[in-house]
N, C-alpha and C. Protein backbone atom coordinates (compact mmCIF):
# COMPACT_ATOMS: atom_id res chain seq x y z
N UNK A 1 98.76 89.95 91.94
CA UNK A 1 98.84 91.35 91.55
C UNK A 1 97.78 91.65 90.51
N UNK A 2 96.96 92.69 90.77
CA UNK A 2 95.91 93.03 89.83
C UNK A 2 96.43 94.01 88.79
N UNK A 3 95.82 93.95 87.60
CA UNK A 3 96.14 94.93 86.55
C UNK A 3 94.85 95.58 86.10
N UNK A 4 94.85 96.94 86.03
CA UNK A 4 93.72 97.68 85.54
C UNK A 4 94.25 98.53 84.39
N UNK A 5 93.81 98.29 83.16
CA UNK A 5 94.30 99.04 82.01
C UNK A 5 95.81 99.00 81.93
N UNK A 6 96.41 97.88 82.30
CA UNK A 6 97.85 97.80 82.28
C UNK A 6 98.51 98.45 83.48
N UNK A 7 97.69 98.98 84.39
CA UNK A 7 98.24 99.64 85.57
C UNK A 7 98.31 98.65 86.71
N UNK A 8 99.51 98.26 87.11
CA UNK A 8 99.67 97.41 88.27
C UNK A 8 99.89 98.31 89.47
N UNK A 9 99.11 98.12 90.54
CA UNK A 9 99.22 99.07 91.64
C UNK A 9 99.08 98.37 92.98
N UNK A 10 100.11 98.49 93.80
CA UNK A 10 100.05 97.93 95.14
C UNK A 10 101.07 98.62 96.01
N UNK A 11 100.68 98.90 97.24
CA UNK A 11 101.63 99.35 98.25
C UNK A 11 101.87 98.17 99.19
N UNK A 12 103.05 98.10 99.77
CA UNK A 12 103.33 97.09 100.78
C UNK A 12 102.40 97.31 101.95
N UNK A 13 101.91 96.22 102.56
CA UNK A 13 100.92 96.31 103.62
C UNK A 13 101.47 95.74 104.91
N UNK A 14 101.53 96.58 105.93
CA UNK A 14 102.00 96.14 107.24
C UNK A 14 101.81 97.26 108.22
N UNK A 15 102.29 97.07 109.48
CA UNK A 15 102.19 98.10 110.50
C UNK A 15 103.46 98.14 111.31
N UNK A 16 103.56 99.12 112.21
CA UNK A 16 104.75 99.22 113.04
C UNK A 16 104.93 97.99 113.91
N UNK A 17 103.83 97.51 114.49
CA UNK A 17 103.95 96.37 115.40
C UNK A 17 102.79 95.41 115.22
N UNK A 18 102.37 95.20 113.98
CA UNK A 18 101.33 94.24 113.71
C UNK A 18 99.95 94.85 113.81
N UNK A 19 98.93 93.98 113.78
CA UNK A 19 97.55 94.44 113.73
C UNK A 19 97.10 95.15 114.99
N UNK A 20 97.74 94.90 116.11
CA UNK A 20 97.33 95.54 117.35
C UNK A 20 97.37 97.05 117.23
N UNK A 21 98.37 97.58 116.53
CA UNK A 21 98.51 99.02 116.38
C UNK A 21 97.40 99.61 115.54
N UNK A 22 96.77 98.79 114.71
CA UNK A 22 95.73 99.27 113.83
C UNK A 22 94.34 98.93 114.35
N UNK A 23 94.23 98.58 115.62
CA UNK A 23 92.96 98.11 116.14
C UNK A 23 91.82 99.08 115.90
N UNK A 24 92.11 100.39 115.93
CA UNK A 24 91.05 101.37 115.72
C UNK A 24 91.08 101.97 114.34
N UNK A 25 91.87 101.40 113.43
CA UNK A 25 91.94 101.98 112.09
C UNK A 25 91.61 100.99 111.00
N UNK A 26 92.14 99.79 111.03
CA UNK A 26 91.88 98.84 109.95
C UNK A 26 92.16 97.44 110.43
N UNK A 27 91.27 96.50 110.08
CA UNK A 27 91.49 95.13 110.48
C UNK A 27 92.49 94.44 109.59
N UNK A 28 92.94 93.27 110.01
CA UNK A 28 93.82 92.47 109.16
C UNK A 28 92.93 91.64 108.24
N UNK A 29 93.50 91.05 107.23
CA UNK A 29 92.71 90.23 106.32
C UNK A 29 92.45 90.99 105.05
N UNK A 30 91.24 91.60 104.92
CA UNK A 30 90.89 92.33 103.71
C UNK A 30 91.92 93.40 103.39
N UNK A 31 92.45 94.04 104.42
CA UNK A 31 93.41 95.12 104.18
C UNK A 31 94.69 94.61 103.56
N UNK A 32 94.94 93.31 103.63
CA UNK A 32 96.17 92.76 103.08
C UNK A 32 96.03 92.33 101.62
N UNK A 33 94.85 92.49 101.03
CA UNK A 33 94.64 92.03 99.67
C UNK A 33 95.23 93.01 98.66
N UNK A 34 95.58 92.49 97.46
CA UNK A 34 96.01 93.36 96.37
C UNK A 34 94.86 94.32 96.04
N UNK A 35 95.23 95.54 95.64
CA UNK A 35 94.18 96.48 95.30
C UNK A 35 94.71 97.50 94.31
N UNK A 36 93.84 97.96 93.43
CA UNK A 36 94.23 99.00 92.48
C UNK A 36 94.25 100.34 93.17
N UNK A 37 95.32 101.09 93.05
CA UNK A 37 95.43 102.39 93.67
C UNK A 37 95.30 103.45 92.59
N UNK A 38 94.18 103.41 91.87
CA UNK A 38 93.91 104.29 90.75
C UNK A 38 92.45 104.69 90.81
N UNK A 39 91.87 105.34 89.82
CA UNK A 39 90.50 105.84 89.94
C UNK A 39 89.52 104.77 90.41
N UNK A 40 88.68 105.12 91.36
CA UNK A 40 87.73 104.17 91.92
C UNK A 40 86.31 104.67 91.66
N UNK A 41 85.33 104.15 92.41
CA UNK A 41 83.92 104.37 92.11
C UNK A 41 83.37 105.75 92.39
N UNK A 42 82.05 105.86 92.47
CA UNK A 42 81.40 107.16 92.60
C UNK A 42 80.58 107.20 93.88
N UNK A 43 80.94 108.06 94.79
CA UNK A 43 80.20 108.27 96.04
C UNK A 43 80.14 109.76 96.27
N UNK A 44 78.97 110.29 96.54
CA UNK A 44 78.84 111.72 96.75
C UNK A 44 79.29 112.11 98.16
N UNK A 45 79.93 113.26 98.27
CA UNK A 45 80.30 113.82 99.56
C UNK A 45 79.25 114.86 99.91
N UNK A 46 78.76 114.81 101.14
CA UNK A 46 77.71 115.72 101.54
C UNK A 46 78.18 117.16 101.49
N UNK A 47 77.27 118.12 101.20
CA UNK A 47 77.65 119.54 101.14
C UNK A 47 78.26 120.00 102.45
N UNK A 48 79.30 120.81 102.34
CA UNK A 48 79.94 121.36 103.53
C UNK A 48 80.94 120.44 104.17
N UNK A 49 81.17 119.28 103.58
CA UNK A 49 82.05 118.31 104.21
C UNK A 49 83.50 118.74 104.16
N UNK A 50 83.82 119.71 103.30
CA UNK A 50 85.22 120.08 103.15
C UNK A 50 85.48 121.54 103.54
N UNK A 51 84.72 122.05 104.49
CA UNK A 51 84.85 123.44 104.88
C UNK A 51 86.15 123.71 105.60
N UNK A 52 86.84 122.66 106.06
CA UNK A 52 88.08 122.86 106.81
C UNK A 52 89.28 122.45 105.98
N UNK A 53 89.26 122.73 104.69
CA UNK A 53 90.37 122.32 103.84
C UNK A 53 91.62 123.14 104.07
N UNK A 54 91.52 124.19 104.86
CA UNK A 54 92.69 124.99 105.25
C UNK A 54 93.47 125.44 104.04
N UNK A 55 92.96 126.44 103.38
CA UNK A 55 93.62 126.99 102.20
C UNK A 55 93.75 125.91 101.13
N UNK A 56 92.62 125.49 100.60
CA UNK A 56 92.59 124.44 99.59
C UNK A 56 93.65 124.69 98.54
N UNK A 57 94.58 123.75 98.36
CA UNK A 57 95.68 123.97 97.42
C UNK A 57 95.20 123.90 95.98
N UNK A 58 95.84 124.66 95.12
CA UNK A 58 95.54 124.56 93.69
C UNK A 58 96.20 123.31 93.16
N UNK A 59 95.85 122.93 91.94
CA UNK A 59 96.48 121.76 91.34
C UNK A 59 97.98 121.95 91.23
N UNK A 60 98.40 123.17 90.88
CA UNK A 60 99.83 123.42 90.78
C UNK A 60 100.51 123.30 92.12
N UNK A 61 99.85 123.79 93.18
CA UNK A 61 100.44 123.70 94.52
C UNK A 61 100.57 122.26 94.95
N UNK A 62 99.67 121.40 94.46
CA UNK A 62 99.73 119.99 94.79
C UNK A 62 100.82 119.28 94.00
N UNK A 63 101.48 119.99 93.10
CA UNK A 63 102.50 119.36 92.28
C UNK A 63 101.92 118.52 91.17
N UNK A 64 100.67 118.78 90.80
CA UNK A 64 100.05 117.96 89.78
C UNK A 64 100.08 118.62 88.41
N UNK A 65 100.83 119.71 88.30
CA UNK A 65 101.06 120.34 87.00
C UNK A 65 99.75 120.75 86.33
N UNK A 66 98.91 121.45 87.11
CA UNK A 66 97.66 121.98 86.58
C UNK A 66 96.74 120.89 86.08
N UNK A 67 96.22 121.07 84.85
CA UNK A 67 95.25 120.15 84.29
C UNK A 67 95.84 118.78 83.99
N UNK A 68 97.16 118.67 84.06
CA UNK A 68 97.80 117.40 83.73
C UNK A 68 97.60 116.34 84.80
N UNK A 69 97.15 116.73 85.97
CA UNK A 69 97.00 115.76 87.04
C UNK A 69 95.83 116.10 87.94
N UNK A 70 95.57 115.27 88.93
CA UNK A 70 94.41 115.46 89.79
C UNK A 70 94.60 116.59 90.80
N UNK A 71 93.48 117.15 91.22
CA UNK A 71 93.46 118.11 92.32
C UNK A 71 93.25 117.32 93.61
N UNK A 72 94.05 117.58 94.61
CA UNK A 72 93.97 116.85 95.87
C UNK A 72 93.39 117.78 96.93
N UNK A 73 92.20 117.46 97.39
CA UNK A 73 91.51 118.26 98.40
C UNK A 73 91.61 117.57 99.75
N UNK A 74 92.09 118.31 100.73
CA UNK A 74 92.31 117.75 102.07
C UNK A 74 91.42 118.44 103.08
N UNK A 75 90.69 117.67 103.85
CA UNK A 75 89.89 118.20 104.96
C UNK A 75 90.71 118.03 106.24
N UNK A 76 91.33 119.10 106.67
CA UNK A 76 92.21 119.03 107.84
C UNK A 76 91.40 119.06 109.13
N UNK A 77 91.69 118.19 110.08
CA UNK A 77 91.00 118.23 111.37
C UNK A 77 91.43 119.43 112.19
N UNK A 78 90.60 119.83 113.13
CA UNK A 78 90.89 120.96 114.00
C UNK A 78 91.45 120.47 115.34
N UNK A 79 92.08 121.38 116.07
CA UNK A 79 92.53 121.11 117.42
C UNK A 79 93.68 120.14 117.56
N UNK A 80 94.54 120.07 116.53
CA UNK A 80 95.67 119.14 116.57
C UNK A 80 96.84 119.74 117.35
N UNK A 81 97.59 118.87 118.01
CA UNK A 81 98.84 119.30 118.63
C UNK A 81 99.86 119.53 117.52
N UNK A 82 100.94 120.22 117.83
CA UNK A 82 101.97 120.47 116.82
C UNK A 82 102.57 119.16 116.30
N UNK A 83 102.69 118.18 117.18
CA UNK A 83 103.22 116.88 116.77
C UNK A 83 102.29 116.20 115.79
N UNK A 84 101.00 116.20 116.09
CA UNK A 84 100.05 115.54 115.22
C UNK A 84 99.89 116.28 113.90
N UNK A 85 100.00 117.60 113.93
CA UNK A 85 99.98 118.35 112.68
C UNK A 85 101.14 117.92 111.78
N UNK A 86 102.32 117.78 112.39
CA UNK A 86 103.50 117.38 111.62
C UNK A 86 103.33 115.98 111.06
N UNK A 87 102.76 115.09 111.84
CA UNK A 87 102.54 113.72 111.39
C UNK A 87 101.60 113.67 110.18
N UNK A 88 100.46 114.34 110.31
CA UNK A 88 99.49 114.30 109.23
C UNK A 88 99.98 115.04 107.99
N UNK A 89 100.73 116.11 108.20
CA UNK A 89 101.30 116.82 107.05
C UNK A 89 102.27 115.93 106.29
N UNK A 90 103.10 115.18 107.02
CA UNK A 90 104.04 114.27 106.36
C UNK A 90 103.29 113.20 105.58
N UNK A 91 102.21 112.72 106.12
CA UNK A 91 101.37 111.71 105.48
C UNK A 91 100.78 112.24 104.18
N UNK A 92 100.20 113.43 104.23
CA UNK A 92 99.60 114.03 103.04
C UNK A 92 100.67 114.43 102.02
N UNK A 93 101.76 115.00 102.50
CA UNK A 93 102.84 115.40 101.59
C UNK A 93 103.39 114.21 100.82
N UNK A 94 103.48 113.07 101.49
CA UNK A 94 103.95 111.86 100.82
C UNK A 94 103.01 111.46 99.69
N UNK A 95 101.72 111.52 99.95
CA UNK A 95 100.73 111.16 98.93
C UNK A 95 100.80 112.12 97.75
N UNK A 96 100.90 113.40 98.03
CA UNK A 96 101.00 114.40 96.97
C UNK A 96 102.28 114.21 96.14
N UNK A 97 103.37 113.88 96.82
CA UNK A 97 104.65 113.73 96.12
C UNK A 97 104.60 112.59 95.11
N UNK A 98 103.87 111.54 95.43
CA UNK A 98 103.77 110.43 94.49
C UNK A 98 102.98 110.82 93.24
N UNK A 99 101.96 111.66 93.41
CA UNK A 99 101.25 112.15 92.24
C UNK A 99 102.11 113.10 91.43
N UNK A 100 102.98 113.88 92.08
CA UNK A 100 103.91 114.72 91.34
C UNK A 100 104.81 113.87 90.46
N UNK A 101 105.25 112.74 91.01
CA UNK A 101 106.10 111.84 90.23
C UNK A 101 105.36 111.33 89.00
N UNK A 102 104.10 110.96 89.17
CA UNK A 102 103.32 110.42 88.06
C UNK A 102 103.08 111.49 87.00
N UNK A 103 102.64 112.68 87.44
CA UNK A 103 102.29 113.71 86.46
C UNK A 103 103.52 114.37 85.84
N UNK A 104 104.69 114.16 86.42
CA UNK A 104 105.93 114.64 85.79
C UNK A 104 106.53 113.56 84.90
N UNK A 105 105.79 112.47 84.70
CA UNK A 105 106.23 111.35 83.85
C UNK A 105 107.48 110.69 84.44
N UNK A 106 107.53 110.66 85.77
CA UNK A 106 108.63 109.99 86.46
C UNK A 106 109.86 110.84 86.69
N UNK A 107 109.82 112.11 86.29
CA UNK A 107 111.00 112.97 86.44
C UNK A 107 111.17 113.50 87.86
N UNK A 108 110.07 113.75 88.54
CA UNK A 108 110.12 114.26 89.92
C UNK A 108 110.29 113.08 90.87
N UNK A 109 111.47 112.98 91.46
CA UNK A 109 111.78 111.85 92.35
C UNK A 109 111.73 112.24 93.83
N UNK A 110 111.18 113.40 94.13
CA UNK A 110 111.16 113.85 95.53
C UNK A 110 110.39 112.91 96.43
N UNK A 111 109.46 112.14 95.86
CA UNK A 111 108.67 111.23 96.69
C UNK A 111 109.53 110.15 97.35
N UNK A 112 110.67 109.84 96.77
CA UNK A 112 111.51 108.78 97.33
C UNK A 112 112.27 109.24 98.58
N UNK A 113 112.24 110.55 98.86
CA UNK A 113 112.97 111.07 100.01
C UNK A 113 112.22 110.90 101.32
N UNK A 114 110.92 110.65 101.24
CA UNK A 114 110.12 110.56 102.46
C UNK A 114 109.64 109.16 102.79
N UNK A 115 110.19 108.14 102.10
CA UNK A 115 109.77 106.76 102.32
C UNK A 115 110.99 105.85 102.42
N UNK A 116 110.85 104.79 103.19
CA UNK A 116 111.92 103.80 103.33
C UNK A 116 111.31 102.41 103.35
N UNK A 117 112.16 101.41 103.20
CA UNK A 117 111.78 100.01 103.39
C UNK A 117 110.59 99.62 102.51
N UNK A 118 109.59 98.95 103.10
CA UNK A 118 108.43 98.47 102.35
C UNK A 118 107.69 99.61 101.67
N UNK A 119 107.58 100.74 102.36
CA UNK A 119 106.86 101.87 101.78
C UNK A 119 107.55 102.37 100.51
N UNK A 120 108.85 102.44 100.52
CA UNK A 120 109.56 102.92 99.33
C UNK A 120 109.38 101.96 98.17
N UNK A 121 109.52 100.67 98.44
CA UNK A 121 109.33 99.69 97.37
C UNK A 121 107.93 99.78 96.78
N UNK A 122 106.93 99.91 97.66
CA UNK A 122 105.56 100.00 97.19
C UNK A 122 105.28 101.28 96.43
N UNK A 123 105.81 102.40 96.91
CA UNK A 123 105.59 103.68 96.25
C UNK A 123 106.22 103.70 94.87
N UNK A 124 107.44 103.20 94.76
CA UNK A 124 108.12 103.15 93.46
C UNK A 124 107.33 102.28 92.48
N UNK A 125 106.84 101.15 92.97
CA UNK A 125 106.08 100.25 92.10
C UNK A 125 104.80 100.92 91.62
N UNK A 126 104.12 101.63 92.52
CA UNK A 126 102.87 102.29 92.13
C UNK A 126 103.13 103.39 91.10
N UNK A 127 104.12 104.24 91.38
CA UNK A 127 104.44 105.32 90.44
C UNK A 127 104.76 104.76 89.06
N UNK A 128 105.57 103.72 89.02
CA UNK A 128 105.98 103.17 87.73
C UNK A 128 104.88 102.38 87.05
N UNK A 129 103.85 101.98 87.79
CA UNK A 129 102.72 101.35 87.13
C UNK A 129 102.02 102.33 86.20
N UNK A 130 102.08 103.61 86.50
CA UNK A 130 101.58 104.65 85.61
C UNK A 130 102.63 105.04 84.57
N UNK A 131 103.83 105.39 85.07
CA UNK A 131 104.87 105.93 84.19
C UNK A 131 105.23 104.94 83.09
N UNK A 132 105.41 103.68 83.42
CA UNK A 132 105.82 102.69 82.43
C UNK A 132 104.77 102.49 81.35
N UNK A 133 103.50 102.73 81.70
CA UNK A 133 102.41 102.58 80.74
C UNK A 133 102.04 103.91 80.08
N UNK A 134 102.82 104.99 80.42
CA UNK A 134 102.55 106.34 79.90
C UNK A 134 101.12 106.78 80.21
N UNK A 135 100.74 106.57 81.46
CA UNK A 135 99.41 106.93 81.93
C UNK A 135 99.49 107.98 83.03
N UNK A 136 98.40 108.69 83.20
CA UNK A 136 98.26 109.64 84.29
C UNK A 136 96.79 109.61 84.71
N UNK A 137 96.34 110.66 85.39
CA UNK A 137 94.94 110.74 85.78
C UNK A 137 94.59 112.20 86.00
N UNK A 138 93.31 112.51 85.94
CA UNK A 138 92.87 113.86 86.26
C UNK A 138 91.53 113.78 86.97
N UNK A 139 91.15 114.90 87.58
CA UNK A 139 89.93 114.92 88.37
C UNK A 139 90.22 115.37 89.78
N UNK A 140 89.47 114.85 90.74
CA UNK A 140 89.57 115.29 92.13
C UNK A 140 89.76 114.09 93.05
N UNK A 141 90.69 114.21 93.98
CA UNK A 141 90.90 113.23 95.05
C UNK A 141 90.56 113.92 96.36
N UNK A 142 89.85 113.24 97.24
CA UNK A 142 89.47 113.81 98.53
C UNK A 142 90.04 112.98 99.67
N UNK A 143 90.73 113.65 100.57
CA UNK A 143 91.27 113.04 101.79
C UNK A 143 90.57 113.66 102.98
N UNK A 144 89.99 112.84 103.84
CA UNK A 144 89.27 113.36 105.00
C UNK A 144 89.32 112.36 106.15
N UNK A 145 88.79 112.77 107.28
CA UNK A 145 88.86 111.96 108.51
C UNK A 145 90.30 111.59 108.85
N UNK A 146 91.20 112.53 108.67
CA UNK A 146 92.60 112.30 109.03
C UNK A 146 92.74 112.21 110.54
N UNK A 147 93.51 111.24 111.01
CA UNK A 147 93.73 111.11 112.45
C UNK A 147 95.01 110.33 112.74
N UNK A 148 95.52 110.54 113.95
CA UNK A 148 96.64 109.76 114.45
C UNK A 148 96.03 108.61 115.24
N UNK A 149 96.29 107.39 114.79
CA UNK A 149 95.67 106.21 115.37
C UNK A 149 96.38 105.76 116.64
N UNK A 150 97.70 105.71 116.59
CA UNK A 150 98.48 105.21 117.72
C UNK A 150 99.89 105.74 117.64
N UNK A 151 100.55 105.79 118.79
CA UNK A 151 101.93 106.25 118.86
C UNK A 151 102.75 105.23 119.63
N UNK A 152 103.80 104.73 119.00
CA UNK A 152 104.73 103.79 119.60
C UNK A 152 106.12 104.31 119.29
N UNK A 153 106.75 104.96 120.26
CA UNK A 153 108.04 105.60 120.00
C UNK A 153 109.04 104.63 119.39
N UNK A 154 109.76 105.06 118.34
CA UNK A 154 109.80 106.42 117.79
C UNK A 154 108.88 106.62 116.61
N UNK A 155 107.75 105.92 116.58
CA UNK A 155 106.88 105.98 115.42
C UNK A 155 105.44 106.23 115.77
N UNK A 156 104.61 106.23 114.75
CA UNK A 156 103.17 106.45 114.93
C UNK A 156 102.43 105.88 113.73
N UNK A 157 101.14 105.64 113.93
CA UNK A 157 100.27 105.18 112.86
C UNK A 157 99.23 106.25 112.59
N UNK A 158 99.04 106.61 111.33
CA UNK A 158 98.03 107.59 110.96
C UNK A 158 97.11 106.97 109.92
N UNK A 159 95.93 107.55 109.77
CA UNK A 159 94.96 107.01 108.83
C UNK A 159 94.09 108.13 108.29
N UNK A 160 93.47 107.87 107.15
CA UNK A 160 92.54 108.81 106.53
C UNK A 160 91.61 108.05 105.62
N UNK A 161 90.48 108.67 105.31
CA UNK A 161 89.60 108.15 104.29
C UNK A 161 90.02 108.76 102.95
N UNK A 162 90.04 107.95 101.92
CA UNK A 162 90.46 108.40 100.60
C UNK A 162 89.35 108.14 99.60
N UNK A 163 88.92 109.20 98.93
CA UNK A 163 87.86 109.10 97.93
C UNK A 163 88.45 109.44 96.57
N UNK A 164 88.57 108.43 95.72
CA UNK A 164 89.12 108.63 94.38
C UNK A 164 88.05 108.55 93.30
N UNK A 165 86.79 108.73 93.69
CA UNK A 165 85.71 108.60 92.72
C UNK A 165 85.75 109.67 91.65
N UNK A 166 86.41 110.79 91.93
CA UNK A 166 86.47 111.87 90.96
C UNK A 166 87.60 111.75 89.96
N UNK A 167 88.38 110.69 90.03
CA UNK A 167 89.51 110.50 89.11
C UNK A 167 89.10 109.78 87.83
N UNK A 168 89.86 110.07 86.77
CA UNK A 168 89.72 109.32 85.52
C UNK A 168 91.12 109.11 84.95
N UNK A 169 91.38 107.93 84.43
CA UNK A 169 92.69 107.61 83.87
C UNK A 169 92.86 108.28 82.51
N UNK A 170 94.04 108.85 82.27
CA UNK A 170 94.34 109.52 81.01
C UNK A 170 95.68 109.03 80.46
N UNK A 171 95.98 109.43 79.24
CA UNK A 171 97.33 109.23 78.73
C UNK A 171 98.16 110.44 79.13
N UNK A 172 99.41 110.52 78.69
CA UNK A 172 100.29 111.60 79.11
C UNK A 172 99.88 112.95 78.52
N UNK A 173 99.06 112.95 77.51
CA UNK A 173 98.58 114.20 76.94
C UNK A 173 97.28 114.67 77.60
N UNK A 174 96.82 113.91 78.60
CA UNK A 174 95.61 114.28 79.31
C UNK A 174 94.33 113.79 78.67
N UNK A 175 94.43 112.96 77.65
CA UNK A 175 93.26 112.42 76.99
C UNK A 175 92.72 111.22 77.77
N UNK A 176 91.42 111.24 78.04
CA UNK A 176 90.81 110.14 78.77
C UNK A 176 90.93 108.85 77.99
N UNK A 177 91.23 107.76 78.69
CA UNK A 177 91.21 106.45 78.03
C UNK A 177 89.79 106.10 77.63
N UNK A 178 89.64 105.51 76.47
CA UNK A 178 88.31 105.16 75.98
C UNK A 178 87.61 104.19 76.92
N UNK A 179 88.38 103.28 77.49
CA UNK A 179 87.82 102.32 78.43
C UNK A 179 88.40 102.58 79.82
N UNK A 180 87.56 103.07 80.71
CA UNK A 180 87.96 103.32 82.08
C UNK A 180 87.80 102.03 82.90
N UNK A 181 88.52 101.94 84.01
CA UNK A 181 88.41 100.73 84.84
C UNK A 181 86.97 100.44 85.25
N UNK A 182 86.61 99.18 85.25
CA UNK A 182 85.26 98.77 85.63
C UNK A 182 84.93 99.17 87.06
N UNK A 183 85.97 99.31 87.89
CA UNK A 183 85.73 99.58 89.30
C UNK A 183 85.65 101.08 89.59
N UNK A 184 85.41 101.90 88.59
CA UNK A 184 85.07 103.30 88.87
C UNK A 184 83.57 103.36 89.13
N UNK A 185 83.19 102.86 90.25
CA UNK A 185 81.79 102.85 90.69
C UNK A 185 81.78 102.58 92.18
N UNK A 186 80.72 102.97 92.83
CA UNK A 186 80.64 102.73 94.26
C UNK A 186 80.43 101.24 94.52
N UNK A 187 80.87 100.73 95.66
CA UNK A 187 81.45 101.47 96.78
C UNK A 187 82.97 101.40 96.84
N UNK A 188 83.61 100.78 95.86
CA UNK A 188 85.04 100.52 95.96
C UNK A 188 85.90 101.77 95.88
N UNK A 189 85.33 102.88 95.46
CA UNK A 189 86.12 104.10 95.29
C UNK A 189 86.58 104.71 96.60
N UNK A 190 85.95 104.35 97.70
CA UNK A 190 86.28 104.95 99.00
C UNK A 190 86.81 103.87 99.92
N UNK A 191 87.93 104.16 100.57
CA UNK A 191 88.57 103.17 101.42
C UNK A 191 89.41 103.85 102.49
N UNK A 192 89.84 103.09 103.47
CA UNK A 192 90.71 103.59 104.52
C UNK A 192 92.16 103.42 104.09
N UNK A 193 92.93 104.47 104.25
CA UNK A 193 94.33 104.50 103.84
C UNK A 193 95.15 104.88 105.06
N UNK A 194 96.10 104.05 105.46
CA UNK A 194 96.88 104.35 106.66
C UNK A 194 98.36 104.09 106.41
N UNK A 195 99.17 104.65 107.28
CA UNK A 195 100.62 104.51 107.12
C UNK A 195 101.30 104.50 108.48
N UNK A 196 102.40 103.78 108.55
CA UNK A 196 103.28 103.79 109.72
C UNK A 196 104.43 104.75 109.42
N UNK A 197 104.68 105.67 110.34
CA UNK A 197 105.76 106.64 110.17
C UNK A 197 106.75 106.53 111.31
N UNK A 198 108.00 106.88 111.01
CA UNK A 198 109.07 106.84 112.00
C UNK A 198 109.70 108.23 112.11
N UNK A 199 109.94 108.64 113.34
CA UNK A 199 110.55 109.96 113.57
C UNK A 199 112.06 109.85 113.50
N UNK A 200 112.65 110.60 112.59
CA UNK A 200 114.09 110.56 112.38
C UNK A 200 114.81 111.56 113.29
N UNK A 201 116.10 111.37 113.44
CA UNK A 201 116.90 112.25 114.29
C UNK A 201 116.91 113.69 113.79
N UNK A 202 116.71 113.87 112.47
CA UNK A 202 116.72 115.23 111.91
C UNK A 202 115.35 115.91 112.01
N UNK A 203 114.39 115.25 112.68
CA UNK A 203 113.08 115.83 112.90
C UNK A 203 112.02 115.45 111.88
N UNK A 204 112.42 114.78 110.81
CA UNK A 204 111.45 114.40 109.78
C UNK A 204 110.66 113.17 110.20
N UNK A 205 109.43 113.08 109.66
CA UNK A 205 108.64 111.87 109.77
C UNK A 205 108.75 111.11 108.45
N UNK A 206 109.20 109.86 108.50
CA UNK A 206 109.43 109.05 107.32
C UNK A 206 108.40 107.90 107.28
N UNK A 207 107.80 107.67 106.11
CA UNK A 207 106.83 106.58 105.98
C UNK A 207 107.57 105.25 105.84
N UNK A 208 107.17 104.31 106.67
CA UNK A 208 107.80 102.98 106.69
C UNK A 208 106.94 101.95 105.96
N UNK A 209 105.64 102.00 106.18
CA UNK A 209 104.74 101.02 105.58
C UNK A 209 103.38 101.64 105.33
N UNK A 210 102.64 101.06 104.38
CA UNK A 210 101.27 101.46 104.09
C UNK A 210 100.33 100.29 104.37
N UNK A 211 99.07 100.65 104.64
CA UNK A 211 98.05 99.63 104.84
C UNK A 211 96.71 100.18 104.36
N UNK A 212 95.83 99.28 103.87
CA UNK A 212 94.54 99.70 103.35
C UNK A 212 93.43 98.80 103.88
N UNK A 213 92.25 99.36 104.00
CA UNK A 213 91.04 98.58 104.28
C UNK A 213 90.06 98.89 103.16
N UNK A 214 89.81 97.91 102.31
CA UNK A 214 88.92 98.07 101.16
C UNK A 214 87.53 97.56 101.48
N UNK A 215 86.54 98.07 100.75
CA UNK A 215 85.20 97.53 100.83
C UNK A 215 85.23 96.03 100.51
N UNK A 216 84.53 95.17 101.28
CA UNK A 216 83.50 95.48 102.27
C UNK A 216 84.00 95.53 103.71
N UNK A 217 85.27 95.77 103.94
CA UNK A 217 85.75 95.93 105.30
C UNK A 217 84.95 97.02 106.02
N UNK A 218 84.64 96.79 107.29
CA UNK A 218 83.81 97.74 108.04
C UNK A 218 84.46 99.11 108.12
N UNK A 219 85.78 99.16 108.19
CA UNK A 219 86.46 100.44 108.28
C UNK A 219 86.35 101.23 106.98
N UNK A 220 86.32 100.53 105.86
CA UNK A 220 86.10 101.20 104.59
C UNK A 220 84.67 101.73 104.50
N UNK A 221 83.72 100.96 105.01
CA UNK A 221 82.32 101.40 104.99
C UNK A 221 82.15 102.68 105.81
N UNK A 222 82.90 102.81 106.88
CA UNK A 222 82.79 103.99 107.73
C UNK A 222 83.25 105.26 107.02
N UNK A 223 84.01 105.11 105.93
CA UNK A 223 84.48 106.28 105.18
C UNK A 223 83.41 106.82 104.23
N UNK A 224 82.37 106.06 103.96
CA UNK A 224 81.32 106.49 103.05
C UNK A 224 80.39 107.44 103.80
N UNK A 225 80.13 108.59 103.18
CA UNK A 225 79.24 109.56 103.84
C UNK A 225 78.49 110.36 102.81
């Protein structure tokens, strides 16, 4: 388990049915390594890359309590079926909910309603790696190249590129830490982030497991643009 500024961060890593389901999203091996899920390096996004953010949410809409937390910018793909829209929305909502928990200093527990099993254990551990150390973050997070990788009833695998280069670690008052993580530099700031979701009888999509492909994995390299 790695520690960055006292922040221990890891999500459980697995898939619905092993690596075969992730054949077009992330390889096994590097994706199974411990990794910090906090501010990463610096990579520029080309102009116009986020023109399809679909009503870019404000920080407050993201549940990040304004300046107290990061702004999450999502580049939504076009031409999705209603099912795939619901899948990707559940994926993004889960990510946003975990930041709400962090920026509320652990008071907002809504993130635990959309995760089960390994995903829940990993999400709780990540949130508390900030909360227990009285840390937060601010800046910009970018999610793009969202897609549904595979569908295996009653579940599916989704993936996205995650760019955390715009984040900086702060204390609970929003003050930047004097020493930021050494890995806030390219290329580690951008990586592939994927999740296995299960369709519940009540119509919800629930996250079961998370998986990552970090640099120098080829799938992480494909997220750099």
